[in-house]
């Protein structure tokens, strides 16, 4: 059984260990699209990533697109 707990942002997997392991392997392979950004955009994302209120750029972008935005610091 799979249940998405939207409040806790958790995917609950219930069943035999082999099924849970299969789901875990599948989820590990999932990744969203990556988009390169300019140095100026990157600097603004870094500056505002923990902001609250009107300056919370990442939060506003997530609300507008209906998806989660992950800022990858490596590379």
N, C-alpha and C. Protein backbone atom coordinates (compact mmCIF):
# COMPACT_ATOMS: atom_id res chain seq x y z
N UNK A 1 0.85 -1.18 0.00
CA UNK A 1 0.00 0.00 0.00
C UNK A 1 0.89 1.24 0.00
N UNK A 2 0.56 2.19 -0.83
CA UNK A 2 1.27 3.47 -0.88
C UNK A 2 0.32 4.57 -0.44
N UNK A 3 0.78 5.42 0.46
CA UNK A 3 -0.01 6.57 0.88
C UNK A 3 0.90 7.78 0.97
N UNK A 4 0.48 8.86 0.34
CA UNK A 4 1.23 10.11 0.40
C UNK A 4 0.64 10.97 1.50
N UNK A 5 1.44 11.27 2.51
CA UNK A 5 1.03 12.14 3.60
C UNK A 5 1.50 13.55 3.24
N UNK A 6 0.58 14.34 2.71
CA UNK A 6 0.94 15.68 2.23
C UNK A 6 1.30 16.63 3.36
N UNK A 7 0.76 16.43 4.54
CA UNK A 7 1.08 17.31 5.67
C UNK A 7 2.52 17.10 6.12
N UNK A 8 2.94 15.84 6.20
CA UNK A 8 4.30 15.55 6.64
C UNK A 8 5.28 15.37 5.48
N UNK A 9 4.77 15.47 4.25
CA UNK A 9 5.59 15.29 3.04
C UNK A 9 6.33 13.95 3.08
N UNK A 10 5.56 12.89 3.34
CA UNK A 10 6.12 11.55 3.47
C UNK A 10 5.32 10.58 2.62
N UNK A 11 6.02 9.70 1.95
CA UNK A 11 5.38 8.59 1.23
C UNK A 11 5.46 7.37 2.14
N UNK A 12 4.30 6.86 2.54
CA UNK A 12 4.24 5.69 3.42
C UNK A 12 4.06 4.44 2.56
N UNK A 13 4.94 3.47 2.77
CA UNK A 13 4.91 2.22 2.01
C UNK A 13 4.69 1.09 3.01
N UNK A 14 3.62 0.33 2.79
CA UNK A 14 3.29 -0.78 3.69
C UNK A 14 3.16 -2.04 2.85
N UNK A 15 3.84 -3.10 3.29
CA UNK A 15 3.77 -4.37 2.59
C UNK A 15 4.99 -5.22 2.89
N UNK A 16 5.13 -6.30 2.15
CA UNK A 16 6.29 -7.18 2.35
C UNK A 16 7.60 -6.42 2.11
N UNK A 17 8.64 -6.85 2.79
CA UNK A 17 9.94 -6.18 2.68
C UNK A 17 10.41 -6.06 1.23
N UNK A 18 10.16 -7.08 0.44
CA UNK A 18 10.60 -7.04 -0.97
C UNK A 18 9.88 -5.93 -1.74
N UNK A 19 8.61 -5.73 -1.46
CA UNK A 19 7.86 -4.66 -2.12
C UNK A 19 8.34 -3.28 -1.66
N UNK A 20 8.60 -3.15 -0.37
CA UNK A 20 9.09 -1.88 0.16
C UNK A 20 10.45 -1.56 -0.46
N UNK A 21 11.30 -2.57 -0.58
CA UNK A 21 12.61 -2.37 -1.19
C UNK A 21 12.48 -1.97 -2.66
N UNK A 22 11.54 -2.57 -3.38
CA UNK A 22 11.32 -2.23 -4.79
C UNK A 22 10.87 -0.79 -4.94
N UNK A 23 9.96 -0.35 -4.06
CA UNK A 23 9.50 1.04 -4.10
C UNK A 23 10.66 1.97 -3.78
N UNK A 24 11.45 1.62 -2.78
CA UNK A 24 12.60 2.45 -2.40
C UNK A 24 13.57 2.61 -3.56
N UNK A 25 13.87 1.53 -4.27
CA UNK A 25 14.77 1.61 -5.43
C UNK A 25 14.18 2.48 -6.53
N UNK A 26 12.88 2.35 -6.75
CA UNK A 26 12.22 3.14 -7.79
C UNK A 26 12.25 4.64 -7.43
N UNK A 27 11.93 4.96 -6.21
CA UNK A 27 11.91 6.37 -5.78
C UNK A 27 13.32 6.96 -5.89
N UNK A 28 14.34 6.17 -5.59
CA UNK A 28 15.72 6.65 -5.67
C UNK A 28 16.11 7.05 -7.10
N UNK A 29 15.44 6.47 -8.09
CA UNK A 29 15.78 6.79 -9.48
C UNK A 29 15.04 8.02 -10.01
N UNK A 30 14.07 8.50 -9.25
CA UNK A 30 13.28 9.63 -9.72
C UNK A 30 14.04 10.94 -9.53
N UNK A 31 13.98 11.76 -10.50
CA UNK A 31 14.56 13.10 -10.38
C UNK A 31 13.86 14.00 -11.38
N UNK A 32 13.75 15.23 -11.01
CA UNK A 32 13.10 16.19 -11.88
C UNK A 32 14.08 16.79 -12.87
N UNK A 33 13.58 17.63 -13.73
CA UNK A 33 14.47 18.27 -14.70
C UNK A 33 15.40 19.26 -14.02
N UNK A 34 16.57 19.41 -14.59
CA UNK A 34 17.55 20.38 -14.09
C UNK A 34 17.65 21.51 -15.08
N UNK A 35 17.78 22.69 -14.56
CA UNK A 35 17.90 23.87 -15.41
C UNK A 35 19.07 24.72 -14.96
N UNK A 36 20.00 25.00 -15.85
CA UNK A 36 21.09 25.91 -15.49
C UNK A 36 20.54 27.34 -15.36
N UNK A 37 21.11 28.10 -14.48
CA UNK A 37 20.69 29.50 -14.30
C UNK A 37 21.91 30.40 -14.32
N UNK A 38 21.68 31.65 -14.60
CA UNK A 38 22.79 32.61 -14.65
C UNK A 38 23.33 32.86 -13.24
N UNK A 39 24.50 33.44 -13.17
CA UNK A 39 25.12 33.75 -11.88
C UNK A 39 24.24 34.70 -11.07
N UNK A 40 23.59 35.64 -11.74
CA UNK A 40 22.73 36.61 -11.04
C UNK A 40 21.51 35.92 -10.42
N UNK A 41 20.89 35.01 -11.18
CA UNK A 41 19.73 34.27 -10.66
C UNK A 41 20.17 33.39 -9.50
N UNK A 42 21.31 32.71 -9.66
CA UNK A 42 21.83 31.85 -8.60
C UNK A 42 22.07 32.66 -7.33
N UNK A 43 22.68 33.82 -7.45
CA UNK A 43 22.95 34.66 -6.28
C UNK A 43 21.66 35.07 -5.59
N UNK A 44 20.64 35.40 -6.37
CA UNK A 44 19.35 35.80 -5.79
C UNK A 44 18.67 34.61 -5.11
N UNK A 45 18.73 33.43 -5.70
CA UNK A 45 18.17 32.24 -5.06
C UNK A 45 18.88 31.94 -3.74
N UNK A 46 20.20 32.05 -3.73
CA UNK A 46 20.96 31.82 -2.49
C UNK A 46 20.63 32.87 -1.44
N UNK A 47 20.50 34.12 -1.86
CA UNK A 47 20.22 35.22 -0.93
C UNK A 47 18.85 35.07 -0.29
N UNK A 48 17.87 34.59 -1.05
CA UNK A 48 16.49 34.59 -0.57
C UNK A 48 15.97 33.21 -0.18
N UNK A 49 16.83 32.18 -0.21
CA UNK A 49 16.33 30.81 -0.01
C UNK A 49 15.70 30.59 1.36
N UNK A 50 16.11 31.31 2.39
CA UNK A 50 15.53 31.13 3.72
C UNK A 50 14.65 32.31 4.12
N UNK A 51 14.35 33.18 3.18
CA UNK A 51 13.55 34.37 3.48
C UNK A 51 12.10 34.02 3.77
N UNK A 52 11.45 34.90 4.47
CA UNK A 52 10.02 34.80 4.77
C UNK A 52 9.32 36.00 4.14
N UNK A 53 8.05 35.85 3.86
CA UNK A 53 7.27 36.98 3.35
C UNK A 53 7.54 37.30 1.90
N UNK A 54 7.42 38.59 1.53
CA UNK A 54 7.52 38.98 0.11
C UNK A 54 8.87 38.68 -0.54
N UNK A 55 9.94 38.55 0.24
CA UNK A 55 11.26 38.26 -0.33
C UNK A 55 11.50 36.78 -0.54
N UNK A 56 10.58 35.93 -0.16
CA UNK A 56 10.75 34.48 -0.25
C UNK A 56 10.58 34.03 -1.70
N UNK A 57 11.58 34.26 -2.51
CA UNK A 57 11.53 33.98 -3.95
C UNK A 57 11.28 32.50 -4.24
N UNK A 58 12.00 31.62 -3.57
CA UNK A 58 11.84 30.19 -3.83
C UNK A 58 10.42 29.75 -3.48
N UNK A 59 9.91 30.21 -2.36
CA UNK A 59 8.54 29.87 -1.97
C UNK A 59 7.53 30.38 -2.99
N UNK A 60 7.71 31.58 -3.48
CA UNK A 60 6.79 32.13 -4.50
C UNK A 60 6.87 31.33 -5.79
N UNK A 61 8.07 30.95 -6.20
CA UNK A 61 8.23 30.14 -7.41
C UNK A 61 7.55 28.78 -7.26
N UNK A 62 7.72 28.16 -6.09
CA UNK A 62 7.08 26.86 -5.84
C UNK A 62 5.57 26.99 -5.87
N UNK A 63 5.03 28.04 -5.28
CA UNK A 63 3.59 28.26 -5.30
C UNK A 63 3.09 28.47 -6.72
N UNK A 64 3.84 29.22 -7.51
CA UNK A 64 3.42 29.54 -8.87
C UNK A 64 3.43 28.31 -9.79
N UNK A 65 4.43 27.45 -9.62
CA UNK A 65 4.55 26.30 -10.53
C UNK A 65 3.91 25.04 -9.96
N UNK A 66 3.57 25.04 -8.68
CA UNK A 66 2.94 23.87 -8.08
C UNK A 66 3.89 22.70 -7.90
N UNK A 67 5.18 22.99 -7.80
CA UNK A 67 6.15 21.92 -7.59
C UNK A 67 7.22 22.38 -6.61
N UNK A 68 8.02 21.43 -6.16
CA UNK A 68 9.09 21.75 -5.24
C UNK A 68 10.34 22.10 -6.04
N UNK A 69 11.04 23.11 -5.58
CA UNK A 69 12.29 23.51 -6.23
C UNK A 69 13.44 23.17 -5.28
N UNK A 70 14.37 22.38 -5.79
CA UNK A 70 15.55 22.00 -5.01
C UNK A 70 16.74 22.74 -5.59
N UNK A 71 17.46 23.44 -4.74
CA UNK A 71 18.64 24.18 -5.20
C UNK A 71 19.86 23.31 -4.94
N UNK A 72 20.47 22.84 -6.01
CA UNK A 72 21.63 21.96 -5.92
C UNK A 72 22.89 22.82 -5.83
N UNK A 73 23.63 22.70 -4.77
CA UNK A 73 24.81 23.53 -4.57
C UNK A 73 26.07 22.99 -5.20
N UNK A 74 26.11 21.72 -5.56
CA UNK A 74 27.31 21.15 -6.15
C UNK A 74 27.40 21.49 -7.64
N UNK A 75 28.56 21.23 -8.21
CA UNK A 75 28.86 21.47 -9.65
C UNK A 75 29.34 22.82 -9.90
